[in-house]
Amino acid sequence: MNAKTIAVAVVALAVGIQFIPYGKDHTNPPVMSEPQWDSPRTQELFNRACADCHSHETKYPWYSNIAPVSWLVMHDIDEGREHFNVSMWGIQKKNEGDDAAKEVREGEMPMWFYTIPHPEARLSDSEKKELISGLEKTFGKEEEGEEK
């Protein structure tokens, strides 16, 4: 194959994948139940750094309309809501809120690649400490040695 044929094939593929619907539905399910936040500040920090993937109040950025990025965004949202969803608090059987503070403390959340296009999710050290403390007060702590 020559370079022109390869370029045409790549463009055709890039256009073709735009018609795959996964990741294109940007409607949020209704909020069924929310936790009793320990403070408005904890909720504010959570909303800045966590809510897009861990609630039904996702704000979809422009790039979430373009495949294959839309697929990755939707996968992360589906995964985040499955493990910890404040919009289904007390309703969703598996809701690992007690892991939330640990994930932030260990630098696992928010995910590094999320903070690149979402600079508001980059918390200062003092904001991280506030969020960790507030998450522990709101959801409890994971017990030492506890298996999930």
N, C-alpha and C. Protein backbone atom coordinates (compact mmCIF):
# COMPACT_ATOMS: atom_id res chain seq x y z
N MET A 1 0.84 -1.19 0.00
CA MET A 1 0.00 0.00 0.00
C MET A 1 0.87 1.25 0.00
N ASN A 2 0.41 2.23 -0.71
CA ASN A 2 1.16 3.48 -0.72
C ASN A 2 0.65 4.41 0.38
N ALA A 3 1.35 5.49 0.61
CA ALA A 3 1.03 6.42 1.69
C ALA A 3 -0.35 7.04 1.52
N LYS A 4 -0.74 7.33 0.29
CA LYS A 4 -2.05 7.94 0.04
C LYS A 4 -3.18 6.98 0.42
N THR A 5 -3.05 5.72 0.09
CA THR A 5 -4.06 4.71 0.43
C THR A 5 -4.18 4.57 1.94
N ILE A 6 -3.05 4.55 2.61
CA ILE A 6 -3.04 4.44 4.08
C ILE A 6 -3.70 5.67 4.69
N ALA A 7 -3.39 6.85 4.21
CA ALA A 7 -3.98 8.09 4.74
C ALA A 7 -5.49 8.09 4.55
N VAL A 8 -5.97 7.67 3.38
CA VAL A 8 -7.41 7.61 3.11
C VAL A 8 -8.07 6.60 4.06
N ALA A 9 -7.43 5.46 4.27
CA ALA A 9 -7.98 4.45 5.17
C ALA A 9 -8.06 4.96 6.61
N VAL A 10 -7.03 5.67 7.05
CA VAL A 10 -7.02 6.23 8.42
C VAL A 10 -8.13 7.26 8.58
N VAL A 11 -8.28 8.13 7.60
CA VAL A 11 -9.35 9.15 7.66
C VAL A 11 -10.72 8.48 7.65
N ALA A 12 -10.90 7.48 6.80
CA ALA A 12 -12.18 6.77 6.72
C ALA A 12 -12.49 6.09 8.06
N LEU A 13 -11.48 5.49 8.66
CA LEU A 13 -11.66 4.85 9.96
C LEU A 13 -12.02 5.89 11.03
N ALA A 14 -11.30 7.01 11.04
CA ALA A 14 -11.57 8.06 12.02
C ALA A 14 -12.99 8.60 11.88
N VAL A 15 -13.47 8.75 10.65
CA VAL A 15 -14.84 9.21 10.43
C VAL A 15 -15.83 8.11 10.81
N GLY A 16 -15.53 6.88 10.41
CA GLY A 16 -16.43 5.76 10.67
C GLY A 16 -16.68 5.51 12.15
N ILE A 17 -15.65 5.62 12.97
CA ILE A 17 -15.84 5.34 14.40
C ILE A 17 -16.70 6.39 15.10
N GLN A 18 -16.90 7.52 14.46
CA GLN A 18 -17.75 8.56 15.06
C GLN A 18 -19.21 8.10 15.14
N PHE A 19 -19.56 7.08 14.37
CA PHE A 19 -20.95 6.60 14.33
C PHE A 19 -21.22 5.50 15.35
N ILE A 20 -20.20 5.09 16.08
CA ILE A 20 -20.40 4.12 17.16
C ILE A 20 -20.97 4.89 18.35
N PRO A 21 -22.14 4.48 18.83
CA PRO A 21 -22.84 5.31 19.82
C PRO A 21 -22.28 5.31 21.23
N TYR A 22 -21.47 4.33 21.63
CA TYR A 22 -20.99 4.28 23.01
C TYR A 22 -20.23 5.56 23.35
N GLY A 23 -20.61 6.17 24.44
CA GLY A 23 -19.95 7.39 24.89
C GLY A 23 -20.59 8.66 24.36
N LYS A 24 -21.64 8.54 23.57
CA LYS A 24 -22.28 9.72 22.97
C LYS A 24 -23.51 10.19 23.74
N ASP A 25 -24.09 9.31 24.55
CA ASP A 25 -25.28 9.69 25.32
C ASP A 25 -24.83 10.44 26.57
N HIS A 26 -25.04 11.73 26.58
CA HIS A 26 -24.57 12.57 27.68
C HIS A 26 -25.71 12.99 28.60
N THR A 27 -26.68 12.12 28.75
CA THR A 27 -27.73 12.39 29.73
C THR A 27 -27.32 11.74 31.04
N ASN A 28 -27.52 12.44 32.11
CA ASN A 28 -27.22 11.90 33.43
C ASN A 28 -28.47 11.26 34.01
N PRO A 29 -28.31 10.11 34.66
CA PRO A 29 -29.45 9.53 35.37
C PRO A 29 -29.88 10.47 36.50
N PRO A 30 -31.09 10.33 36.99
CA PRO A 30 -31.52 11.19 38.09
C PRO A 30 -30.74 10.90 39.37
N VAL A 31 -30.58 11.93 40.18
CA VAL A 31 -29.97 11.76 41.50
C VAL A 31 -31.04 11.12 42.38
N MET A 32 -30.73 9.94 42.90
CA MET A 32 -31.69 9.19 43.71
C MET A 32 -31.57 9.50 45.21
N SER A 33 -30.34 9.68 45.65
CA SER A 33 -30.08 9.91 47.07
C SER A 33 -28.66 10.44 47.19
N GLU A 34 -28.45 11.34 48.15
CA GLU A 34 -27.12 11.90 48.36
C GLU A 34 -26.71 11.69 49.81
N PRO A 35 -25.40 11.62 50.04
CA PRO A 35 -24.94 11.48 51.43
C PRO A 35 -25.17 12.77 52.21
N GLN A 36 -25.13 12.64 53.50
CA GLN A 36 -25.16 13.81 54.38
C GLN A 36 -23.72 14.26 54.52
N TRP A 37 -23.35 15.28 53.75
CA TRP A 37 -21.97 15.77 53.78
C TRP A 37 -21.64 16.37 55.14
N ASP A 38 -20.41 16.19 55.59
CA ASP A 38 -20.01 16.73 56.89
C ASP A 38 -19.96 18.25 56.86
N SER A 39 -19.72 18.83 55.64
CA SER A 39 -19.66 20.29 55.52
C SER A 39 -19.85 20.68 54.05
N PRO A 40 -20.28 21.91 53.81
CA PRO A 40 -20.36 22.40 52.43
C PRO A 40 -18.99 22.39 51.74
N ARG A 41 -17.93 22.61 52.50
CA ARG A 41 -16.59 22.63 51.93
C ARG A 41 -16.20 21.26 51.37
N THR A 42 -16.50 20.19 52.09
CA THR A 42 -16.21 18.85 51.59
C THR A 42 -16.96 18.61 50.29
N GLN A 43 -18.22 18.99 50.26
CA GLN A 43 -19.02 18.81 49.05
C GLN A 43 -18.45 19.64 47.89
N GLU A 44 -18.01 20.85 48.18
CA GLU A 44 -17.42 21.72 47.15
C GLU A 44 -16.15 21.08 46.57
N LEU A 45 -15.26 20.60 47.44
CA LEU A 45 -14.03 19.98 46.97
C LEU A 45 -14.32 18.69 46.21
N PHE A 46 -15.27 17.91 46.71
CA PHE A 46 -15.67 16.69 46.02
C PHE A 46 -16.20 17.02 44.62
N ASN A 47 -17.05 18.02 44.54
CA ASN A 47 -17.62 18.40 43.25
C ASN A 47 -16.54 18.84 42.26
N ARG A 48 -15.53 19.55 42.75
CA ARG A 48 -14.43 20.00 41.88
C ARG A 48 -13.59 18.84 41.36
N ALA A 49 -13.27 17.89 42.23
CA ALA A 49 -12.28 16.87 41.90
C ALA A 49 -12.84 15.49 41.60
N CYS A 50 -14.08 15.22 41.98
CA CYS A 50 -14.56 13.83 41.94
C CYS A 50 -15.91 13.63 41.24
N ALA A 51 -16.78 14.62 41.27
CA ALA A 51 -18.18 14.42 40.89
C ALA A 51 -18.40 14.01 39.44
N ASP A 52 -17.52 14.40 38.53
CA ASP A 52 -17.75 14.04 37.13
C ASP A 52 -17.81 12.52 36.94
N CYS A 53 -17.07 11.77 37.72
CA CYS A 53 -17.06 10.31 37.58
C CYS A 53 -17.80 9.59 38.71
N HIS A 54 -18.06 10.28 39.80
CA HIS A 54 -18.63 9.60 40.97
C HIS A 54 -19.98 10.17 41.39
N SER A 55 -20.73 10.66 40.41
CA SER A 55 -22.09 11.13 40.67
C SER A 55 -22.87 11.10 39.37
N HIS A 56 -24.13 11.46 39.45
CA HIS A 56 -24.98 11.59 38.26
C HIS A 56 -25.05 13.04 37.81
N GLU A 57 -24.04 13.82 38.17
CA GLU A 57 -24.00 15.23 37.79
C GLU A 57 -22.76 15.52 36.95
N THR A 58 -22.46 14.61 36.04
CA THR A 58 -21.31 14.72 35.16
C THR A 58 -21.46 15.90 34.21
N LYS A 59 -20.40 16.66 34.09
CA LYS A 59 -20.33 17.72 33.07
C LYS A 59 -19.44 17.18 31.96
N TYR A 60 -20.05 16.96 30.80
CA TYR A 60 -19.33 16.36 29.69
C TYR A 60 -18.60 17.43 28.88
N PRO A 61 -17.28 17.34 28.77
CA PRO A 61 -16.51 18.32 28.00
C PRO A 61 -16.68 18.08 26.49
N TRP A 62 -16.28 19.04 25.70
CA TRP A 62 -16.42 18.95 24.25
C TRP A 62 -15.78 17.71 23.66
N TYR A 63 -14.62 17.31 24.19
CA TYR A 63 -13.89 16.19 23.62
C TYR A 63 -14.57 14.85 23.89
N SER A 64 -15.57 14.84 24.77
CA SER A 64 -16.30 13.60 25.03
C SER A 64 -17.28 13.27 23.91
N ASN A 65 -17.30 14.08 22.88
CA ASN A 65 -18.13 13.82 21.70
C ASN A 65 -17.35 13.19 20.56
N ILE A 66 -16.05 13.00 20.74
CA ILE A 66 -15.19 12.54 19.65
C ILE A 66 -14.62 11.16 20.00
N ALA A 67 -14.99 10.16 19.21
CA ALA A 67 -14.44 8.81 19.39
C ALA A 67 -12.99 8.81 18.89
N PRO A 68 -12.12 8.06 19.51
CA PRO A 68 -12.33 7.10 20.58
C PRO A 68 -12.24 7.70 21.99
N VAL A 69 -11.98 9.00 22.10
CA VAL A 69 -11.91 9.62 23.43
C VAL A 69 -13.24 9.48 24.16
N SER A 70 -14.36 9.60 23.43
CA SER A 70 -15.68 9.47 24.06
C SER A 70 -15.83 8.10 24.72
N TRP A 71 -15.25 7.07 24.14
CA TRP A 71 -15.33 5.74 24.72
C TRP A 71 -14.57 5.67 26.04
N LEU A 72 -13.39 6.28 26.06
CA LEU A 72 -12.58 6.27 27.28
C LEU A 72 -13.27 7.06 28.40
N VAL A 73 -13.83 8.21 28.05
CA VAL A 73 -14.53 9.04 29.04
C VAL A 73 -15.71 8.26 29.62
N MET A 74 -16.51 7.65 28.76
CA MET A 74 -17.68 6.91 29.24
C MET A 74 -17.27 5.71 30.08
N HIS A 75 -16.22 5.03 29.67
CA HIS A 75 -15.73 3.90 30.46
C HIS A 75 -15.33 4.34 31.86
N ASP A 76 -14.59 5.45 31.96
CA ASP A 76 -14.16 5.95 33.27
C ASP A 76 -15.36 6.36 34.13
N ILE A 77 -16.35 6.98 33.52
CA ILE A 77 -17.55 7.38 34.27
C ILE A 77 -18.31 6.14 34.74
N ASP A 78 -18.50 5.17 33.84
CA ASP A 78 -19.20 3.93 34.23
C ASP A 78 -18.48 3.24 35.38
N GLU A 79 -17.17 3.14 35.27
CA GLU A 79 -16.35 2.49 36.30
C GLU A 79 -16.42 3.26 37.62
N GLY A 80 -16.29 4.57 37.54
CA GLY A 80 -16.34 5.39 38.74
C GLY A 80 -17.67 5.29 39.46
N ARG A 81 -18.75 5.35 38.71
CA ARG A 81 -20.09 5.25 39.32
C ARG A 81 -20.33 3.87 39.90
N GLU A 82 -19.77 2.84 39.29
CA GLU A 82 -19.97 1.48 39.79
C GLU A 82 -19.37 1.30 41.18
N HIS A 83 -18.21 1.92 41.41
CA HIS A 83 -17.52 1.74 42.69
C HIS A 83 -17.92 2.73 43.77
N PHE A 84 -18.27 3.94 43.36
CA PHE A 84 -18.53 4.99 44.34
C PHE A 84 -19.38 6.06 43.66
N ASN A 85 -20.65 6.13 44.06
CA ASN A 85 -21.59 7.03 43.40
C ASN A 85 -22.41 7.76 44.45
N VAL A 86 -22.12 9.04 44.64
CA VAL A 86 -22.84 9.80 45.67
C VAL A 86 -24.28 10.09 45.28
N SER A 87 -24.64 9.88 44.03
CA SER A 87 -26.02 10.10 43.59
C SER A 87 -26.91 8.89 43.83
N MET A 88 -26.32 7.81 44.30
CA MET A 88 -27.06 6.58 44.62
C MET A 88 -26.76 6.16 46.05
N TRP A 89 -26.42 7.14 46.88
CA TRP A 89 -25.98 6.84 48.24
C TRP A 89 -27.08 6.13 49.02
N GLY A 90 -26.74 4.99 49.60
CA GLY A 90 -27.69 4.22 50.38
C GLY A 90 -28.58 3.33 49.54
N ILE A 91 -28.53 3.47 48.24
CA ILE A 91 -29.36 2.67 47.33
C ILE A 91 -28.50 1.63 46.62
N GLN A 92 -27.38 2.07 46.08
CA GLN A 92 -26.46 1.20 45.36
C GLN A 92 -25.79 0.28 46.37
N LYS A 93 -25.88 -1.03 46.13
CA LYS A 93 -25.36 -2.01 47.10
C LYS A 93 -23.86 -1.84 47.32
N LYS A 94 -23.09 -1.77 46.25
CA LYS A 94 -21.63 -1.64 46.36
C LYS A 94 -21.29 -0.17 46.20
N ASN A 95 -21.00 0.51 47.27
CA ASN A 95 -20.65 1.92 47.19
C ASN A 95 -19.51 2.15 48.17
N GLU A 96 -18.30 2.17 47.65
CA GLU A 96 -17.09 2.13 48.47
C GLU A 96 -16.67 3.51 48.97
N GLY A 97 -17.56 4.19 49.64
CA GLY A 97 -17.25 5.50 50.17
C GLY A 97 -16.13 5.51 51.17
N ASP A 98 -16.01 4.41 51.93
CA ASP A 98 -14.95 4.36 52.94
C ASP A 98 -13.56 4.28 52.31
N ASP A 99 -13.48 3.97 51.02
CA ASP A 99 -12.20 3.97 50.31
C ASP A 99 -11.83 5.35 49.78
N ALA A 100 -12.78 6.26 49.73
CA ALA A 100 -12.58 7.54 49.04
C ALA A 100 -11.39 8.32 49.61
N ALA A 101 -11.32 8.47 50.92
CA ALA A 101 -10.23 9.24 51.53
C ALA A 101 -8.88 8.58 51.25
N LYS A 102 -8.84 7.27 51.32
CA LYS A 102 -7.59 6.53 51.06
C LYS A 102 -7.13 6.77 49.62
N GLU A 103 -8.05 6.74 48.68
CA GLU A 103 -7.70 6.93 47.27
C GLU A 103 -7.11 8.33 47.04
N VAL A 104 -7.67 9.33 47.68
CA VAL A 104 -7.15 10.70 47.56
C VAL A 104 -5.79 10.79 48.26
N ARG A 105 -5.70 10.23 49.45
CA ARG A 105 -4.45 10.27 50.23
C ARG A 105 -3.30 9.63 49.46
N GLU A 106 -3.57 8.52 48.79
CA GLU A 106 -2.53 7.79 48.08
C GLU A 106 -2.26 8.34 46.68
N GLY A 107 -2.98 9.39 46.30
CA GLY A 107 -2.76 10.00 44.99
C GLY A 107 -3.40 9.25 43.84
N GLU A 108 -4.25 8.28 44.16
CA GLU A 108 -4.93 7.50 43.11
C GLU A 108 -6.08 8.30 42.48
N MET A 109 -6.65 9.19 43.26
CA MET A 109 -7.77 10.01 42.78
C MET A 109 -7.51 11.46 43.14
N PRO A 110 -7.91 12.38 42.30
CA PRO A 110 -8.39 12.14 40.95
C PRO A 110 -7.27 11.60 40.07
N MET A 111 -7.64 10.86 39.05
CA MET A 111 -6.66 10.27 38.16
C MET A 111 -5.85 11.37 37.47
N TRP A 112 -4.56 11.13 37.31
CA TRP A 112 -3.66 12.15 36.77
C TRP A 112 -4.12 12.66 35.41
N PHE A 113 -4.63 11.77 34.57
CA PHE A 113 -5.02 12.20 33.22
C PHE A 113 -6.31 13.02 33.23
N TYR A 114 -7.09 12.90 34.29
CA TYR A 114 -8.30 13.73 34.42
C TYR A 114 -7.93 15.18 34.74
N THR A 115 -6.88 15.36 35.52
CA THR A 115 -6.51 16.72 35.94
C THR A 115 -5.88 17.55 34.82
N ILE A 116 -5.44 16.92 33.76
CA ILE A 116 -4.85 17.68 32.65
C ILE A 116 -5.89 18.60 32.01
N PRO A 117 -7.03 18.07 31.55
CA PRO A 117 -8.04 18.97 30.96
C PRO A 117 -8.97 19.61 32.00
N HIS A 118 -8.81 19.22 33.26
CA HIS A 118 -9.65 19.74 34.34
C HIS A 118 -8.77 20.33 35.44
N PRO A 119 -8.15 21.48 35.19
CA PRO A 119 -7.23 22.04 36.19
C PRO A 119 -7.90 22.34 37.53
N GLU A 120 -9.20 22.57 37.54
CA GLU A 120 -9.90 22.82 38.80
C GLU A 120 -9.87 21.61 39.72
N ALA A 121 -9.62 20.43 39.17
CA ALA A 121 -9.56 19.20 39.97
C ALA A 121 -8.20 19.01 40.64
N ARG A 122 -7.22 19.82 40.26
CA ARG A 122 -5.90 19.76 40.90
C ARG A 122 -6.00 20.48 42.23
N LEU A 123 -6.01 19.72 43.29
CA LEU A 123 -6.16 20.31 44.62
C LEU A 123 -4.78 20.60 45.22
N SER A 124 -4.70 21.70 45.95
CA SER A 124 -3.47 22.02 46.68
C SER A 124 -3.33 21.00 47.81
N ASP A 125 -2.17 20.96 48.43
CA ASP A 125 -1.95 20.05 49.55
C ASP A 125 -2.95 20.29 50.67
N SER A 126 -3.21 21.57 50.97
CA SER A 126 -4.16 21.87 52.05
C SER A 126 -5.58 21.47 51.65
N GLU A 127 -5.93 21.66 50.39
CA GLU A 127 -7.27 21.24 49.93
C GLU A 127 -7.41 19.72 49.98
N LYS A 128 -6.33 19.00 49.62
CA LYS A 128 -6.37 17.54 49.71
C LYS A 128 -6.59 17.10 51.15
N LYS A 129 -5.89 17.74 52.08
CA LYS A 129 -6.06 17.39 53.49
C LYS A 129 -7.50 17.66 53.94
N GLU A 130 -8.04 18.79 53.52
CA GLU A 130 -9.44 19.11 53.85
C GLU A 130 -10.39 18.07 53.27
N LEU A 131 -10.17 17.70 52.01
CA LEU A 131 -11.05 16.73 51.36
C LEU A 131 -10.94 15.37 52.04
N ILE A 132 -9.73 14.92 52.33
CA ILE A 132 -9.54 13.63 53.00
C ILE A 132 -10.26 13.62 54.34
N SER A 133 -10.07 14.65 55.12
CA SER A 133 -10.73 14.73 56.42
C SER A 133 -12.25 14.73 56.26
N GLY A 134 -12.75 15.52 55.32
CA GLY A 134 -14.19 15.58 55.10
C GLY A 134 -14.76 14.28 54.59
N LEU A 135 -14.03 13.59 53.71
CA LEU A 135 -14.50 12.29 53.22
C LEU A 135 -14.56 11.27 54.36
N GLU A 136 -13.56 11.29 55.23
CA GLU A 136 -13.56 10.37 56.37
C GLU A 136 -14.74 10.66 57.30
N LYS A 137 -15.02 11.94 57.52
CA LYS A 137 -16.15 12.30 58.38
C LYS A 137 -17.48 11.95 57.73
N THR A 138 -17.56 12.07 56.42
CA THR A 138 -18.81 11.80 55.71
C THR A 138 -19.04 10.30 55.51
N PHE A 139 -18.00 9.58 55.08
CA PHE A 139 -18.17 8.18 54.67
C PHE A 139 -17.52 7.17 55.59
N GLY A 140 -16.71 7.63 56.53
CA GLY A 140 -15.99 6.71 57.40
C GLY A 140 -14.64 6.36 56.79
N LYS A 141 -13.88 5.58 57.53
CA LYS A 141 -12.55 5.17 57.09
C LYS A 141 -12.58 3.68 56.79
N GLU A 142 -11.74 3.28 55.84
CA GLU A 142 -11.55 1.85 55.60
C GLU A 142 -10.75 1.31 56.77
N GLU A 143 -11.21 0.23 57.33
CA GLU A 143 -10.52 -0.36 58.48
C GLU A 143 -9.22 -1.03 58.02
N GLU A 144 -8.22 -1.00 58.88
CA GLU A 144 -6.93 -1.65 58.58
C GLU A 144 -7.18 -3.12 58.32
N GLY A 145 -6.56 -3.63 57.25
CA GLY A 145 -6.66 -5.06 56.93
C GLY A 145 -8.00 -5.47 56.35
N GLU A 146 -8.89 -4.54 56.14
CA GLU A 146 -10.21 -4.87 55.61
C GLU A 146 -10.09 -5.29 54.15
N GLU A 147 -10.71 -6.39 53.80
CA GLU A 147 -10.71 -6.90 52.42
C GLU A 147 -11.97 -6.42 51.73
N LYS A 148 -11.81 -6.04 50.47
CA LYS A 148 -12.98 -5.61 49.67
C LYS A 148 -13.29 -6.68 48.66
